[in-house]
């Protein structure tokens, strides 16, 4: 969930959409691990694909992720 927390912070700072390569760099892991982690976040409804294939894909947070961030106290007023 650390990536999701970082993503929420980036969203709050104005960067709501992340490309696969940006996510891969944030994770600092193998490409396959990044793909699996992204798939899990999509499956769990925290992010959604906004276009492209794996090489040119971009993802955004869902409302579920935003509510989860508030519940986890990652975001405060």
C-alpha atoms as a PDB file:
ATOM      1  CA  UNK A   1       0.000   0.000   0.000  1.00  0.00           C
ATOM      2  CA  UNK A   2       3.025   2.283   0.140  1.00  0.00           C
ATOM      3  CA  UNK A   3       2.744   3.004  -3.589  1.00  0.00           C
ATOM      4  CA  UNK A   4      -0.937   3.811  -3.185  1.00  0.00           C
ATOM      5  CA  UNK A   5      -0.102   6.216  -0.357  1.00  0.00           C
ATOM      6  CA  UNK A   6       2.578   7.877  -2.502  1.00  0.00           C
ATOM      7  CA  UNK A   7       0.107   8.081  -5.370  1.00  0.00           C
ATOM      8  CA  UNK A   8      -2.471   9.765  -3.122  1.00  0.00           C
ATOM      9  CA  UNK A   9       0.145  12.316  -2.057  1.00  0.00           C
ATOM     10  CA  UNK A  10       1.073  12.963  -5.706  1.00  0.00           C
ATOM     11  CA  UNK A  11      -2.619  13.357  -6.545  1.00  0.00           C
ATOM     12  CA  UNK A  12      -2.987  15.945  -3.793  1.00  0.00           C
ATOM     13  CA  UNK A  13       0.035  17.771  -5.226  1.00  0.00           C
ATOM     14  CA  UNK A  14      -1.614  17.888  -8.665  1.00  0.00           C
ATOM     15  CA  UNK A  15      -0.258  14.768 -10.414  1.00  0.00           C
ATOM     16  CA  UNK A  16      -3.312  12.540 -10.625  1.00  0.00           C
ATOM     17  CA  UNK A  17      -2.303  10.419 -13.613  1.00  0.00           C
ATOM     18  CA  UNK A  18       0.766   8.176 -13.553  1.00  0.00           C
ATOM     19  CA  UNK A  19       2.212   6.336 -16.530  1.00  0.00           C
ATOM     20  CA  UNK A  20       3.422   2.769 -16.154  1.00  0.00           C
ATOM     21  CA  UNK A  21       7.072   3.860 -16.363  1.00  0.00           C
ATOM     22  CA  UNK A  22       6.533   6.369 -13.526  1.00  0.00           C
ATOM     23  CA  UNK A  23       4.955   3.681 -11.360  1.00  0.00           C
ATOM     24  CA  UNK A  24       7.752   1.264 -12.243  1.00  0.00           C
ATOM     25  CA  UNK A  25      10.328   3.896 -11.203  1.00  0.00           C
ATOM     26  CA  UNK A  26       8.496   4.637  -7.932  1.00  0.00           C
ATOM     27  CA  UNK A  27       8.482   0.948  -7.044  1.00  0.00           C
ATOM     28  CA  UNK A  28      12.122   0.432  -7.986  1.00  0.00           C
ATOM     29  CA  UNK A  29      11.453  -3.195  -8.871  1.00  0.00           C
ATOM     30  CA  UNK A  30      11.313  -5.525 -11.860  1.00  0.00           C
ATOM     31  CA  UNK A  31       8.866  -4.771 -14.654  1.00  0.00           C
ATOM     32  CA  UNK A  32       6.944  -7.986 -13.962  1.00  0.00           C
ATOM     33  CA  UNK A  33       6.515  -7.158 -10.263  1.00  0.00           C
ATOM     34  CA  UNK A  34       5.274  -3.674 -11.207  1.00  0.00           C
ATOM     35  CA  UNK A  35       2.763  -5.163 -13.661  1.00  0.00           C
ATOM     36  CA  UNK A  36       1.466  -7.584 -11.031  1.00  0.00           C
ATOM     37  CA  UNK A  37       1.196  -4.876  -8.371  1.00  0.00           C
ATOM     38  CA  UNK A  38      -0.677  -2.585 -10.770  1.00  0.00           C
ATOM     39  CA  UNK A  39      -3.000  -5.454 -11.711  1.00  0.00           C
ATOM     40  CA  UNK A  40      -3.779  -6.027  -8.030  1.00  0.00           C
ATOM     41  CA  UNK A  41      -4.576  -2.344  -7.476  1.00  0.00           C
ATOM     42  CA  UNK A  42      -6.847  -2.411 -10.554  1.00  0.00           C
ATOM     43  CA  UNK A  43      -8.528  -5.629  -9.428  1.00  0.00           C
ATOM     44  CA  UNK A  44      -9.108  -4.184  -5.955  1.00  0.00           C
ATOM     45  CA  UNK A  45     -10.653  -1.064  -7.482  1.00  0.00           C
ATOM     46  CA  UNK A  46      -8.054   1.458  -6.262  1.00  0.00           C
ATOM     47  CA  UNK A  47      -6.805   2.528  -9.703  1.00  0.00           C
ATOM     48  CA  UNK A  48      -8.114   2.359 -13.247  1.00  0.00           C
ATOM     49  CA  UNK A  49      -6.465   2.257 -16.648  1.00  0.00           C
ATOM     50  CA  UNK A  50      -7.065   5.453 -18.588  1.00  0.00           C
ATOM     51  CA  UNK A  51      -5.513   4.421 -21.898  1.00  0.00           C
ATOM     52  CA  UNK A  52      -2.826   2.588 -23.816  1.00  0.00           C
ATOM     53  CA  UNK A  53      -1.260  -0.817 -23.360  1.00  0.00           C
ATOM     54  CA  UNK A  54       1.390  -1.776 -20.798  1.00  0.00           C
ATOM     55  CA  UNK A  55       4.097   0.214 -22.582  1.00  0.00           C
ATOM     56  CA  UNK A  56       2.097   3.446 -22.843  1.00  0.00           C
ATOM     57  CA  UNK A  57      -0.495   2.954 -20.135  1.00  0.00           C
ATOM     58  CA  UNK A  58      -1.667   5.608 -17.707  1.00  0.00           C
ATOM     59  CA  UNK A  59      -3.575   5.067 -14.477  1.00  0.00           C
ATOM     60  CA  UNK A  60      -5.710   7.213 -12.207  1.00  0.00           C
ATOM     61  CA  UNK A  61      -7.002   6.857  -8.676  1.00  0.00           C
ATOM     62  CA  UNK A  62     -10.607   5.804  -8.207  1.00  0.00           C
ATOM     63  CA  UNK A  63     -13.050   7.225  -5.687  1.00  0.00           C
ATOM     64  CA  UNK A  64     -12.537   4.031  -3.678  1.00  0.00           C
ATOM     65  CA  UNK A  65      -8.832   4.888  -3.335  1.00  0.00           C
ATOM     66  CA  UNK A  66      -9.652   8.423  -2.239  1.00  0.00           C
ATOM     67  CA  UNK A  67     -12.099   7.222   0.419  1.00  0.00           C
ATOM     68  CA  UNK A  68      -9.559   4.622   1.559  1.00  0.00           C
ATOM     69  CA  UNK A  69      -6.894   7.338   1.890  1.00  0.00           C
ATOM     70  CA  UNK A  70      -9.206   9.358   4.124  1.00  0.00           C
ATOM     71  CA  UNK A  71     -10.050   6.288   6.235  1.00  0.00           C
ATOM     72  CA  UNK A  72      -6.323   5.565   6.657  1.00  0.00           C
ATOM     73  CA  UNK A  73      -5.690   9.203   7.706  1.00  0.00           C
ATOM     74  CA  UNK A  74      -3.289   9.710   4.803  1.00  0.00           C
ATOM     75  CA  UNK A  75      -5.253  12.861   3.983  1.00  0.00           C
ATOM     76  CA  UNK A  76      -6.428  15.370   6.534  1.00  0.00           C
ATOM     77  CA  UNK A  77      -8.174  18.710   6.192  1.00  0.00           C
END
